[in-house]
Amino acid sequence: GRLERTMRLYLAVSESKVRHRDQILQYAVPRMSDMCARRAAAFCIVDLRLQPGGREAGESSGPASSAALDAVANRLALVDSCNCFVCLIDPEDEAPKGLSDKLLTTLSSEE
């Protein structure tokens, strides 16, 4: 089979980790982009917070509508298209968004 020639990096960052995201965007991303270019590969970032609509897939502004479900499906397709993932999640930021206690405990124990 043909090798993948595109690095699609999914970047998810909690609100309290924005400074860390900025560091990644400022220092790591240009280096990754250069590495890909030297190997004739494309590089792109998928950051759902920078996508049109500005809401994470789990956020809602009202009852589920067809348009809202389509938006979630489109965002999930974006995530599914990625082959690299960087997630900087602060359990304290994510608790109000409905992450389960079990997941938050797992996230906290992995720090």
PDB file of N, CA and C in Angstrom:
ATOM      1  N   GLY A   1       0.818  -1.197   0.000  1.00  0.00           N
ATOM      2  CA  GLY A   1       0.000   0.000   0.000  1.00  0.00           C
ATOM      3  C   GLY A   1       0.851   1.245   0.000  1.00  0.00           C
ATOM      4  N   ARG A   2       0.208   2.347  -0.336  1.00  0.00           N
ATOM      5  CA  ARG A   2       0.880   3.642  -0.414  1.00  0.00           C
ATOM      6  C   ARG A   2       0.997   4.248   0.988  1.00  0.00           C
ATOM      7  N   LEU A   3       2.146   4.830   1.276  1.00  0.00           N
ATOM      8  CA  LEU A   3       2.351   5.478   2.569  1.00  0.00           C
ATOM      9  C   LEU A   3       1.566   6.784   2.655  1.00  0.00           C
ATOM     10  N   GLU A   4       1.090   7.098   3.821  1.00  0.00           N
ATOM     11  CA  GLU A   4       0.411   8.371   4.058  1.00  0.00           C
ATOM     12  C   GLU A   4       1.431   9.492   3.913  1.00  0.00           C
ATOM     13  N   ARG A   5       1.119  10.500   3.110  1.00  0.00           N
ATOM     14  CA  ARG A   5       2.050  11.600   2.872  1.00  0.00           C
ATOM     15  C   ARG A   5       1.561  12.902   3.491  1.00  0.00           C
ATOM     16  N   THR A   6       0.631  12.802   4.411  1.00  0.00           N
ATOM     17  CA  THR A   6       0.128  13.989   5.099  1.00  0.00           C
ATOM     18  C   THR A   6       0.116  13.722   6.594  1.00  0.00           C
ATOM     19  N   MET A   7       0.698  14.640   7.347  1.00  0.00           N
ATOM     20  CA  MET A   7       0.624  14.567   8.804  1.00  0.00           C
ATOM     21  C   MET A   7      -0.486  15.512   9.220  1.00  0.00           C
ATOM     22  N   ARG A   8      -1.563  14.951   9.738  1.00  0.00           N
ATOM     23  CA  ARG A   8      -2.690  15.746  10.230  1.00  0.00           C
ATOM     24  C   ARG A   8      -2.678  15.656  11.754  1.00  0.00           C
ATOM     25  N   LEU A   9      -2.313  16.751  12.400  1.00  0.00           N
ATOM     26  CA  LEU A   9      -2.152  16.810  13.849  1.00  0.00           C
ATOM     27  C   LEU A   9      -3.414  17.365  14.491  1.00  0.00           C
ATOM     28  N   TYR A  10      -4.054  16.557  15.348  1.00  0.00           N
ATOM     29  CA  TYR A  10      -5.203  17.009  16.119  1.00  0.00           C
ATOM     30  C   TYR A  10      -4.681  17.623  17.403  1.00  0.00           C
ATOM     31  N   LEU A  11      -5.087  18.838  17.686  1.00  0.00           N
ATOM     32  CA  LEU A  11      -4.639  19.556  18.878  1.00  0.00           C
ATOM     33  C   LEU A  11      -5.852  19.921  19.724  1.00  0.00           C
ATOM     34  N   ALA A  12      -5.926  19.358  20.926  1.00  0.00           N
ATOM     35  CA  ALA A  12      -7.014  19.660  21.855  1.00  0.00           C
ATOM     36  C   ALA A  12      -6.402  20.166  23.153  1.00  0.00           C
ATOM     37  N   VAL A  13      -6.875  21.318  23.597  1.00  0.00           N
ATOM     38  CA  VAL A  13      -6.267  21.954  24.764  1.00  0.00           C
ATOM     39  C   VAL A  13      -7.354  22.538  25.658  1.00  0.00           C
ATOM     40  N   SER A  14      -7.280  22.227  26.953  1.00  0.00           N
ATOM     41  CA  SER A  14      -8.187  22.830  27.935  1.00  0.00           C
ATOM     42  C   SER A  14      -7.895  24.323  28.052  1.00  0.00           C
ATOM     43  N   GLU A  15      -8.891  25.057  28.532  1.00  0.00           N
ATOM     44  CA  GLU A  15      -8.751  26.512  28.646  1.00  0.00           C
ATOM     45  C   GLU A  15      -7.543  26.936  29.477  1.00  0.00           C
ATOM     46  N   SER A  16      -7.234  26.198  30.541  1.00  0.00           N
ATOM     47  CA  SER A  16      -6.106  26.580  31.391  1.00  0.00           C
ATOM     48  C   SER A  16      -4.755  26.208  30.783  1.00  0.00           C
ATOM     49  N   LYS A  17      -4.770  25.492  29.673  1.00  0.00           N
ATOM     50  CA  LYS A  17      -3.528  25.060  29.024  1.00  0.00           C
ATOM     51  C   LYS A  17      -3.242  25.842  27.746  1.00  0.00           C
ATOM     52  N   VAL A  18      -3.904  26.978  27.549  1.00  0.00           N
ATOM     53  CA  VAL A  18      -3.746  27.760  26.323  1.00  0.00           C
ATOM     54  C   VAL A  18      -2.292  28.203  26.140  1.00  0.00           C
ATOM     55  N   ARG A  19      -1.631  28.556  27.232  1.00  0.00           N
ATOM     56  CA  ARG A  19      -0.218  28.965  27.139  1.00  0.00           C
ATOM     57  C   ARG A  19       0.634  27.831  26.570  1.00  0.00           C
ATOM     58  N   HIS A  20       0.309  26.596  26.970  1.00  0.00           N
ATOM     59  CA  HIS A  20       1.027  25.444  26.443  1.00  0.00           C
ATOM     60  C   HIS A  20       0.742  25.272  24.951  1.00  0.00           C
ATOM     61  N   ARG A  21      -0.528  25.468  24.559  1.00  0.00           N
ATOM     62  CA  ARG A  21      -0.870  25.376  23.134  1.00  0.00           C
ATOM     63  C   ARG A  21      -0.104  26.418  22.336  1.00  0.00           C
ATOM     64  N   ASP A  22      -0.028  27.631  22.869  1.00  0.00           N
ATOM     65  CA  ASP A  22       0.706  28.688  22.174  1.00  0.00           C
ATOM     66  C   ASP A  22       2.168  28.305  21.971  1.00  0.00           C
ATOM     67  N   GLN A  23       2.760  27.664  22.976  1.00  0.00           N
ATOM     68  CA  GLN A  23       4.148  27.214  22.856  1.00  0.00           C
ATOM     69  C   GLN A  23       4.294  26.150  21.764  1.00  0.00           C
ATOM     70  N   ILE A  24       3.342  25.222  21.723  1.00  0.00           N
ATOM     71  CA  ILE A  24       3.359  24.191  20.686  1.00  0.00           C
ATOM     72  C   ILE A  24       3.257  24.836  19.308  1.00  0.00           C
ATOM     73  N   LEU A  25       2.310  25.784  19.174  1.00  0.00           N
ATOM     74  CA  LEU A  25       2.119  26.448  17.881  1.00  0.00           C
ATOM     75  C   LEU A  25       3.338  27.280  17.488  1.00  0.00           C
ATOM     76  N   GLN A  26       3.981  27.894  18.454  1.00  0.00           N
ATOM     77  CA  GLN A  26       5.112  28.767  18.159  1.00  0.00           C
ATOM     78  C   GLN A  26       6.406  27.989  17.882  1.00  0.00           C
ATOM     79  N   TYR A  27       6.651  26.918  18.636  1.00  0.00           N
ATOM     80  CA  TYR A  27       7.939  26.238  18.531  1.00  0.00           C
ATOM     81  C   TYR A  27       7.878  24.866  17.845  1.00  0.00           C
ATOM     82  N   ALA A  28       6.958  24.028  18.260  1.00  0.00           N
ATOM     83  CA  ALA A  28       6.936  22.658  17.738  1.00  0.00           C
ATOM     84  C   ALA A  28       6.345  22.566  16.337  1.00  0.00           C
ATOM     85  N   VAL A  29       5.272  23.298  16.087  1.00  0.00           N
ATOM     86  CA  VAL A  29       4.601  23.191  14.792  1.00  0.00           C
ATOM     87  C   VAL A  29       5.502  23.598  13.626  1.00  0.00           C
ATOM     88  N   PRO A  30       6.219  24.720  13.702  1.00  0.00           N
ATOM     89  CA  PRO A  30       7.107  25.051  12.582  1.00  0.00           C
ATOM     90  C   PRO A  30       8.173  23.969  12.319  1.00  0.00           C
ATOM     91  N   ARG A  31       8.671  23.362  13.381  1.00  0.00           N
ATOM     92  CA  ARG A  31       9.675  22.301  13.215  1.00  0.00           C
ATOM     93  C   ARG A  31       9.057  21.059  12.575  1.00  0.00           C
ATOM     94  N   MET A  32       7.836  20.700  13.032  1.00  0.00           N
ATOM     95  CA  MET A  32       7.162  19.543  12.433  1.00  0.00           C
ATOM     96  C   MET A  32       6.846  19.814  10.965  1.00  0.00           C
ATOM     97  N   SER A  33       6.419  21.021  10.675  1.00  0.00           N
ATOM     98  CA  SER A  33       6.115  21.394   9.295  1.00  0.00           C
ATOM     99  C   SER A  33       7.365  21.299   8.416  1.00  0.00           C
ATOM    100  N   ASP A  34       8.490  21.806   8.909  1.00  0.00           N
ATOM    101  CA  ASP A  34       9.761  21.721   8.172  1.00  0.00           C
ATOM    102  C   ASP A  34      10.178  20.265   7.951  1.00  0.00           C
ATOM    103  N   MET A  35      10.037  19.436   8.998  1.00  0.00           N
ATOM    104  CA  MET A  35      10.385  18.017   8.857  1.00  0.00           C
ATOM    105  C   MET A  35       9.550  17.354   7.770  1.00  0.00           C
ATOM    106  N   CYS A  36       8.263  17.656   7.784  1.00  0.00           N
ATOM    107  CA  CYS A  36       7.379  17.074   6.767  1.00  0.00           C
ATOM    108  C   CYS A  36       7.771  17.555   5.375  1.00  0.00           C
ATOM    109  N   ALA A  37       8.047  18.845   5.243  1.00  0.00           N
ATOM    110  CA  ALA A  37       8.420  19.401   3.942  1.00  0.00           C
ATOM    111  C   ALA A  37       9.692  18.749   3.402  1.00  0.00           C
ATOM    112  N   ARG A  38      10.672  18.504   4.277  1.00  0.00           N
ATOM    113  CA  ARG A  38      11.912  17.843   3.843  1.00  0.00           C
ATOM    114  C   ARG A  38      11.666  16.421   3.362  1.00  0.00           C
ATOM    115  N   ARG A  39      10.571  15.836   3.802  1.00  0.00           N
ATOM    116  CA  ARG A  39      10.224  14.462   3.404  1.00  0.00           C
ATOM    117  C   ARG A  39       9.097  14.433   2.379  1.00  0.00           C
ATOM    118  N   ALA A  40       8.840  15.577   1.750  1.00  0.00           N
ATOM    119  CA  ALA A  40       7.799  15.708   0.721  1.00  0.00           C
ATOM    120  C   ALA A  40       6.425  15.284   1.235  1.00  0.00           C
ATOM    121  N   ALA A  41       6.143  15.626   2.481  1.00  0.00           N
ATOM    122  CA  ALA A  41       4.836  15.332   3.076  1.00  0.00           C
ATOM    123  C   ALA A  41       4.157  16.640   3.458  1.00  0.00           C
ATOM    124  N   ALA A  42       2.856  16.644   3.403  1.00  0.00           N
ATOM    125  CA  ALA A  42       2.086  17.815   3.815  1.00  0.00           C
ATOM    126  C   ALA A  42       1.894  17.792   5.334  1.00  0.00           C
ATOM    127  N   PHE A  43       1.634  18.946   5.897  1.00  0.00           N
ATOM    128  CA  PHE A  43       1.402  19.068   7.334  1.00  0.00           C
ATOM    129  C   PHE A  43       0.240  20.012   7.564  1.00  0.00           C
ATOM    130  N   CYS A  44      -0.684  19.620   8.422  1.00  0.00           N
ATOM    131  CA  CYS A  44      -1.764  20.537   8.801  1.00  0.00           C
ATOM    132  C   CYS A  44      -2.217  20.232  10.225  1.00  0.00           C
ATOM    133  N   ILE A  45      -2.828  21.234  10.837  1.00  0.00           N
ATOM    134  CA  ILE A  45      -3.318  21.123  12.213  1.00  0.00           C
ATOM    135  C   ILE A  45      -4.836  21.152  12.184  1.00  0.00           C
ATOM    136  N   VAL A  46      -5.431  20.283  13.002  1.00  0.00           N
ATOM    137  CA  VAL A  46      -6.870  20.318  13.226  1.00  0.00           C
ATOM    138  C   VAL A  46      -7.060  20.707  14.683  1.00  0.00           C
ATOM    139  N   ASP A  47      -7.554  21.911  14.886  1.00  0.00           N
ATOM    140  CA  ASP A  47      -7.848  22.429  16.222  1.00  0.00           C
ATOM    141  C   ASP A  47      -9.310  22.839  16.191  1.00  0.00           C
ATOM    142  N   LEU A  48     -10.181  22.051  16.823  1.00  0.00           N
ATOM    143  CA  LEU A  48     -11.615  22.297  16.730  1.00  0.00           C
ATOM    144  C   LEU A  48     -12.014  23.666  17.241  1.00  0.00           C
ATOM    145  N   ARG A  49     -11.242  24.222  18.142  1.00  0.00           N
ATOM    146  CA  ARG A  49     -11.574  25.552  18.653  1.00  0.00           C
ATOM    147  C   ARG A  49     -11.357  26.625  17.595  1.00  0.00           C
ATOM    148  N   LEU A  50     -10.567  26.306  16.573  1.00  0.00           N
ATOM    149  CA  LEU A  50     -10.313  27.267  15.502  1.00  0.00           C
ATOM    150  C   LEU A  50     -11.221  27.049  14.298  1.00  0.00           C
ATOM    151  N   GLN A  51     -12.079  26.031  14.356  1.00  0.00           N
ATOM    152  CA  GLN A  51     -13.003  25.737  13.261  1.00  0.00           C
ATOM    153  C   GLN A  51     -14.207  26.675  13.335  1.00  0.00           C
ATOM    154  N   PRO A  52     -14.887  26.903  12.190  1.00  0.00           N
ATOM    155  CA  PRO A  52     -16.088  27.750  12.219  1.00  0.00           C
ATOM    156  C   PRO A  52     -17.087  27.238  13.251  1.00  0.00           C
ATOM    157  N   GLY A  53     -17.700  28.142  13.962  1.00  0.00           N
ATOM    158  CA  GLY A  53     -18.654  27.776  15.012  1.00  0.00           C
ATOM    159  C   GLY A  53     -18.057  27.958  16.387  1.00  0.00           C
ATOM    160  N   GLY A  54     -16.745  27.749  16.531  1.00  0.00           N
ATOM    161  CA  GLY A  54     -16.020  28.034  17.753  1.00  0.00           C
ATOM    162  C   GLY A  54     -16.370  27.212  18.966  1.00  0.00           C
ATOM    163  N   ARG A  55     -17.206  26.199  18.841  1.00  0.00           N
ATOM    164  CA  ARG A  55     -17.565  25.379  20.005  1.00  0.00           C
ATOM    165  C   ARG A  55     -16.955  24.009  19.872  1.00  0.00           C
ATOM    166  N   GLU A  56     -16.588  23.440  20.999  1.00  0.00           N
ATOM    167  CA  GLU A  56     -16.148  22.057  21.016  1.00  0.00           C
ATOM    168  C   GLU A  56     -17.350  21.173  20.700  1.00  0.00           C
ATOM    169  N   ALA A  57     -17.102  19.961  20.233  1.00  0.00           N
ATOM    170  CA  ALA A  57     -18.171  19.061  19.829  1.00  0.00           C
ATOM    171  C   ALA A  57     -19.136  18.764  20.966  1.00  0.00           C
ATOM    172  N   GLY A  58     -18.686  18.773  22.210  1.00  0.00           N
ATOM    173  CA  GLY A  58     -19.549  18.441  23.333  1.00  0.00           C
ATOM    174  C   GLY A  58     -20.376  19.604  23.853  1.00  0.00           C
ATOM    175  N   GLU A  59     -20.132  20.803  23.352  1.00  0.00           N
ATOM    176  CA  GLU A  59     -20.860  21.963  23.836  1.00  0.00           C
ATOM    177  C   GLU A  59     -22.143  22.132  23.047  1.00  0.00           C
ATOM    178  N   SER A  60     -23.119  22.735  23.670  1.00  0.00           N
ATOM    179  CA  SER A  60     -24.418  22.912  23.030  1.00  0.00           C
ATOM    180  C   SER A  60     -24.965  24.285  23.338  1.00  0.00           C
ATOM    181  N   SER A  61     -25.698  24.848  22.383  1.00  0.00           N
ATOM    182  CA  SER A  61     -26.332  26.136  22.629  1.00  0.00           C
ATOM    183  C   SER A  61     -27.843  25.991  22.686  1.00  0.00           C
ATOM    184  N   GLY A  62     -28.353  24.776  22.681  1.00  0.00           N
ATOM    185  CA  GLY A  62     -29.788  24.567  22.735  1.00  0.00           C
ATOM    186  C   GLY A  62     -30.118  23.137  22.384  1.00  0.00           C
ATOM    187  N   PRO A  63     -31.420  22.872  22.117  1.00  0.00           N
ATOM    188  CA  PRO A  63     -31.825  21.506  21.787  1.00  0.00           C
ATOM    189  C   PRO A  63     -31.114  20.998  20.541  1.00  0.00           C
ATOM    190  N   ALA A  64     -30.901  19.695  20.492  1.00  0.00           N
ATOM    191  CA  ALA A  64     -30.227  19.096  19.341  1.00  0.00           C
ATOM    192  C   ALA A  64     -31.073  19.293  18.096  1.00  0.00           C
ATOM    193  N   SER A  65     -30.481  19.866  17.085  1.00  0.00           N
ATOM    194  CA  SER A  65     -31.159  20.047  15.812  1.00  0.00           C
ATOM    195  C   SER A  65     -30.387  19.288  14.755  1.00  0.00           C
ATOM    196  N   SER A  66     -30.970  19.181  13.589  1.00  0.00           N
ATOM    197  CA  SER A  66     -30.293  18.503  12.488  1.00  0.00           C
ATOM    198  C   SER A  66     -28.970  19.205  12.165  1.00  0.00           C
ATOM    199  N   ALA A  67     -28.994  20.543  12.154  1.00  0.00           N
ATOM    200  CA  ALA A  67     -27.770  21.300  11.861  1.00  0.00           C
ATOM    201  C   ALA A  67     -26.712  21.056  12.927  1.00  0.00           C
ATOM    202  N   ALA A  68     -27.129  21.007  14.209  1.00  0.00           N
ATOM    203  CA  ALA A  68     -26.172  20.770  15.293  1.00  0.00           C
ATOM    204  C   ALA A  68     -25.580  19.376  15.183  1.00  0.00           C
ATOM    205  N   LEU A  69     -26.405  18.390  14.857  1.00  0.00           N
ATOM    206  CA  LEU A  69     -25.901  17.022  14.708  1.00  0.00           C
ATOM    207  C   LEU A  69     -24.969  16.917  13.512  1.00  0.00           C
ATOM    208  N   ASP A  70     -25.285  17.628  12.430  1.00  0.00           N
ATOM    209  CA  ASP A  70     -24.393  17.645  11.266  1.00  0.00           C
ATOM    210  C   ASP A  70     -23.051  18.266  11.627  1.00  0.00           C
ATOM    211  N   ALA A  71     -23.072  19.337  12.437  1.00  0.00           N
ATOM    212  CA  ALA A  71     -21.833  19.993  12.856  1.00  0.00           C
ATOM    213  C   ALA A  71     -20.977  19.034  13.679  1.00  0.00           C
ATOM    214  N   VAL A  72     -21.613  18.290  14.586  1.00  0.00           N
ATOM    215  CA  VAL A  72     -20.879  17.313  15.390  1.00  0.00           C
ATOM    216  C   VAL A  72     -20.307  16.227  14.486  1.00  0.00           C
ATOM    217  N   ALA A  73     -21.090  15.732  13.544  1.00  0.00           N
ATOM    218  CA  ALA A  73     -20.609  14.699  12.617  1.00  0.00           C
ATOM    219  C   ALA A  73     -19.425  15.208  11.803  1.00  0.00           C
ATOM    220  N   ASN A  74     -19.476  16.465  11.362  1.00  0.00           N
ATOM    221  CA  ASN A  74     -18.359  17.041  10.598  1.00  0.00           C
ATOM    222  C   ASN A  74     -17.101  17.144  11.450  1.00  0.00           C
ATOM    223  N   ARG A  75     -17.270  17.523  12.704  1.00  0.00           N
ATOM    224  CA  ARG A  75     -16.116  17.628  13.598  1.00  0.00           C
ATOM    225  C   ARG A  75     -15.514  16.256  13.889  1.00  0.00           C
ATOM    226  N   LEU A  76     -16.367  15.264  14.089  1.00  0.00           N
ATOM    227  CA  LEU A  76     -15.865  13.908  14.314  1.00  0.00           C
ATOM    228  C   LEU A  76     -15.118  13.396  13.085  1.00  0.00           C
ATOM    229  N   ALA A  77     -15.597  13.734  11.899  1.00  0.00           N
ATOM    230  CA  ALA A  77     -14.897  13.343  10.671  1.00  0.00           C
ATOM    231  C   ALA A  77     -13.523  14.006  10.601  1.00  0.00           C
ATOM    232  N   LEU A  78     -13.429  15.267  11.031  1.00  0.00           N
ATOM    233  CA  LEU A  78     -12.129  15.942  11.076  1.00  0.00           C
ATOM    234  C   LEU A  78     -11.165  15.212  12.001  1.00  0.00           C
ATOM    235  N   VAL A  79     -11.642  14.866  13.196  1.00  0.00           N
ATOM    236  CA  VAL A  79     -10.802  14.153  14.164  1.00  0.00           C
ATOM    237  C   VAL A  79     -10.385  12.798  13.583  1.00  0.00           C
ATOM    238  N   ASP A  80     -11.331  12.101  12.975  1.00  0.00           N
ATOM    239  CA  ASP A  80     -11.051  10.780  12.410  1.00  0.00           C
ATOM    240  C   ASP A  80     -10.008  10.840  11.297  1.00  0.00           C
ATOM    241  N   SER A  81      -9.901  11.982  10.626  1.00  0.00           N
ATOM    242  CA  SER A  81      -8.943  12.115   9.521  1.00  0.00           C
ATOM    243  C   SER A  81      -7.509  12.331  10.013  1.00  0.00           C
ATOM    244  N   CYS A  82      -7.339  12.571  11.301  1.00  0.00           N
ATOM    245  CA  CYS A  82      -6.008  12.861  11.853  1.00  0.00           C
ATOM    246  C   CYS A  82      -5.225  11.582  12.114  1.00  0.00           C
ATOM    247  N   ASN A  83      -3.897  11.685  11.998  1.00  0.00           N
ATOM    248  CA  ASN A  83      -3.034  10.543  12.285  1.00  0.00           C
ATOM    249  C   ASN A  83      -2.049  10.833  13.424  1.00  0.00           C
ATOM    250  N   CYS A  84      -2.134  12.019  14.021  1.00  0.00           N
ATOM    251  CA  CYS A  84      -1.325  12.384  15.191  1.00  0.00           C
ATOM    252  C   CYS A  84      -2.214  13.183  16.143  1.00  0.00           C
ATOM    253  N   PHE A  85      -2.030  12.973  17.439  1.00  0.00           N
ATOM    254  CA  PHE A  85      -2.889  13.613  18.422  1.00  0.00           C
ATOM    255  C   PHE A  85      -2.075  14.195  19.565  1.00  0.00           C
ATOM    256  N   VAL A  86      -2.393  15.447  19.940  1.00  0.00           N
ATOM    257  CA  VAL A  86      -1.832  16.076  21.131  1.00  0.00           C
ATOM    258  C   VAL A  86      -3.022  16.606  21.927  1.00  0.00           C
ATOM    259  N   CYS A  87      -3.202  16.088  23.121  1.00  0.00           N
ATOM    260  CA  CYS A  87      -4.307  16.519  23.984  1.00  0.00           C
ATOM    261  C   CYS A  87      -3.733  16.960  25.324  1.00  0.00           C
ATOM    262  N   LEU A  88      -3.907  18.223  25.643  1.00  0.00           N
ATOM    263  CA  LEU A  88      -3.479  18.774  26.931  1.00  0.00           C
ATOM    264  C   LEU A  88      -4.744  19.123  27.696  1.00  0.00           C
ATOM    265  N   ILE A  89      -5.155  18.218  28.568  1.00  0.00           N
ATOM    266  CA  ILE A  89      -6.439  18.360  29.236  1.00  0.00           C
ATOM    267  C   ILE A  89      -6.251  18.513  30.731  1.00  0.00           C
ATOM    268  N   ASP A  90      -6.885  19.532  31.276  1.00  0.00           N
ATOM    269  CA  ASP A  90      -6.904  19.756  32.715  1.00  0.00           C
ATOM    270  C   ASP A  90      -8.254  19.260  33.227  1.00  0.00           C
ATOM    271  N   PRO A  91      -8.264  18.197  34.044  1.00  0.00           N
ATOM    272  CA  PRO A  91      -9.537  17.663  34.533  1.00  0.00           C
ATOM    273  C   PRO A  91     -10.424  18.695  35.211  1.00  0.00           C
ATOM    274  N   GLU A  92      -9.838  19.676  35.857  1.00  0.00           N
ATOM    275  CA  GLU A  92     -10.635  20.718  36.522  1.00  0.00           C
ATOM    276  C   GLU A  92     -11.391  21.567  35.506  1.00  0.00           C
ATOM    277  N   ASP A  93     -10.791  21.813  34.338  1.00  0.00           N
ATOM    278  CA  ASP A  93     -11.468  22.579  33.283  1.00  0.00           C
ATOM    279  C   ASP A  93     -12.592  21.777  32.650  1.00  0.00           C
ATOM    280  N   GLU A  94     -12.377  20.487  32.516  1.00  0.00           N
ATOM    281  CA  GLU A  94     -13.313  19.654  31.758  1.00  0.00           C
ATOM    282  C   GLU A  94     -14.480  19.145  32.588  1.00  0.00           C
ATOM    283  N   ALA A  95     -14.370  19.124  33.922  1.00  0.00           N
ATOM    284  CA  ALA A  95     -15.449  18.605  34.771  1.00  0.00           C
ATOM    285  C   ALA A  95     -16.796  19.281  34.500  1.00  0.00           C
ATOM    286  N   PRO A  96     -16.841  20.615  34.367  1.00  0.00           N
ATOM    287  CA  PRO A  96     -18.145  21.242  34.103  1.00  0.00           C
ATOM    288  C   PRO A  96     -18.735  20.864  32.741  1.00  0.00           C
ATOM    289  N   LYS A  97     -17.925  20.341  31.836  1.00  0.00           N
ATOM    290  CA  LYS A  97     -18.405  19.981  30.501  1.00  0.00           C
ATOM    291  C   LYS A  97     -18.988  18.574  30.465  1.00  0.00           C
ATOM    292  N   GLY A  98     -18.993  17.891  31.606  1.00  0.00           N
ATOM    293  CA  GLY A  98     -19.681  16.615  31.668  1.00  0.00           C
ATOM    294  C   GLY A  98     -18.815  15.385  31.510  1.00  0.00           C
ATOM    295  N   LEU A  99     -17.495  15.502  31.642  1.00  0.00           N
ATOM    296  CA  LEU A  99     -16.671  14.302  31.620  1.00  0.00           C
ATOM    297  C   LEU A  99     -16.964  13.484  32.864  1.00  0.00           C
ATOM    298  N   SER A 100     -16.960  12.188  32.723  1.00  0.00           N
ATOM    299  CA  SER A 100     -17.305  11.328  33.845  1.00  0.00           C
ATOM    300  C   SER A 100     -16.251  11.389  34.943  1.00  0.00           C
ATOM    301  N   ASP A 101     -16.692  11.108  36.175  1.00  0.00           N
ATOM    302  CA  ASP A 101     -15.764  11.063  37.307  1.00  0.00           C
ATOM    303  C   ASP A 101     -14.679  10.022  37.075  1.00  0.00           C
ATOM    304  N   LYS A 102     -15.052   8.886  36.459  1.00  0.00           N
ATOM    305  CA  LYS A 102     -14.077   7.819  36.195  1.00  0.00           C
ATOM    306  C   LYS A 102     -12.996   8.314  35.243  1.00  0.00           C
ATOM    307  N   LEU A 103     -13.391   9.010  34.175  1.00  0.00           N
ATOM    308  CA  LEU A 103     -12.415   9.539  33.227  1.00  0.00           C
ATOM    309  C   LEU A 103     -11.544  10.588  33.886  1.00  0.00           C
ATOM    310  N   LEU A 104     -12.139  11.470  34.676  1.00  0.00           N
ATOM    311  CA  LEU A 104     -11.359  12.510  35.356  1.00  0.00           C
ATOM    312  C   LEU A 104     -10.356  11.906  36.314  1.00  0.00           C
ATOM    313  N   THR A 105     -10.731  10.839  37.014  1.00  0.00           N
ATOM    314  CA  THR A 105      -9.815  10.147  37.914  1.00  0.00           C
ATOM    315  C   THR A 105      -8.662   9.556  37.112  1.00  0.00           C
ATOM    316  N   THR A 106      -8.964   8.969  35.972  1.00  0.00           N
ATOM    317  CA  THR A 106      -7.930   8.385  35.116  1.00  0.00           C
ATOM    318  C   THR A 106      -6.979   9.471  34.627  1.00  0.00           C
ATOM    319  N   LEU A 107      -7.547  10.607  34.180  1.00  0.00           N
ATOM    320  CA  LEU A 107      -6.710  11.712  33.706  1.00  0.00           C
ATOM    321  C   LEU A 107      -5.817  12.238  34.809  1.00  0.00           C
ATOM    322  N   SER A 108      -6.362  12.391  36.016  1.00  0.00           N
ATOM    323  CA  SER A 108      -5.575  12.908  37.137  1.00  0.00           C
ATOM    324  C   SER A 108      -4.444  11.962  37.530  1.00  0.00           C
ATOM    325  N   SER A 109      -4.697  10.660  37.452  1.00  0.00           N
ATOM    326  CA  SER A 109      -3.682   9.694  37.873  1.00  0.00           C
ATOM    327  C   SER A 109      -2.572   9.538  36.852  1.00  0.00           C
ATOM    328  N   GLU A 110      -2.779  10.039  35.627  1.00  0.00           N
ATOM    329  CA  GLU A 110      -1.766   9.893  34.576  1.00  0.00           C
ATOM    330  C   GLU A 110      -0.826  11.086  34.518  1.00  0.00           C
ATOM    331  N   GLU A 111      -1.033  12.111  35.331  1.00  0.00           N
ATOM    332  CA  GLU A 111      -0.162  13.291  35.287  1.00  0.00           C
ATOM    333  C   GLU A 111       1.240  12.986  35.721  1.00  0.00           C
TER     334      GLU A 111
END
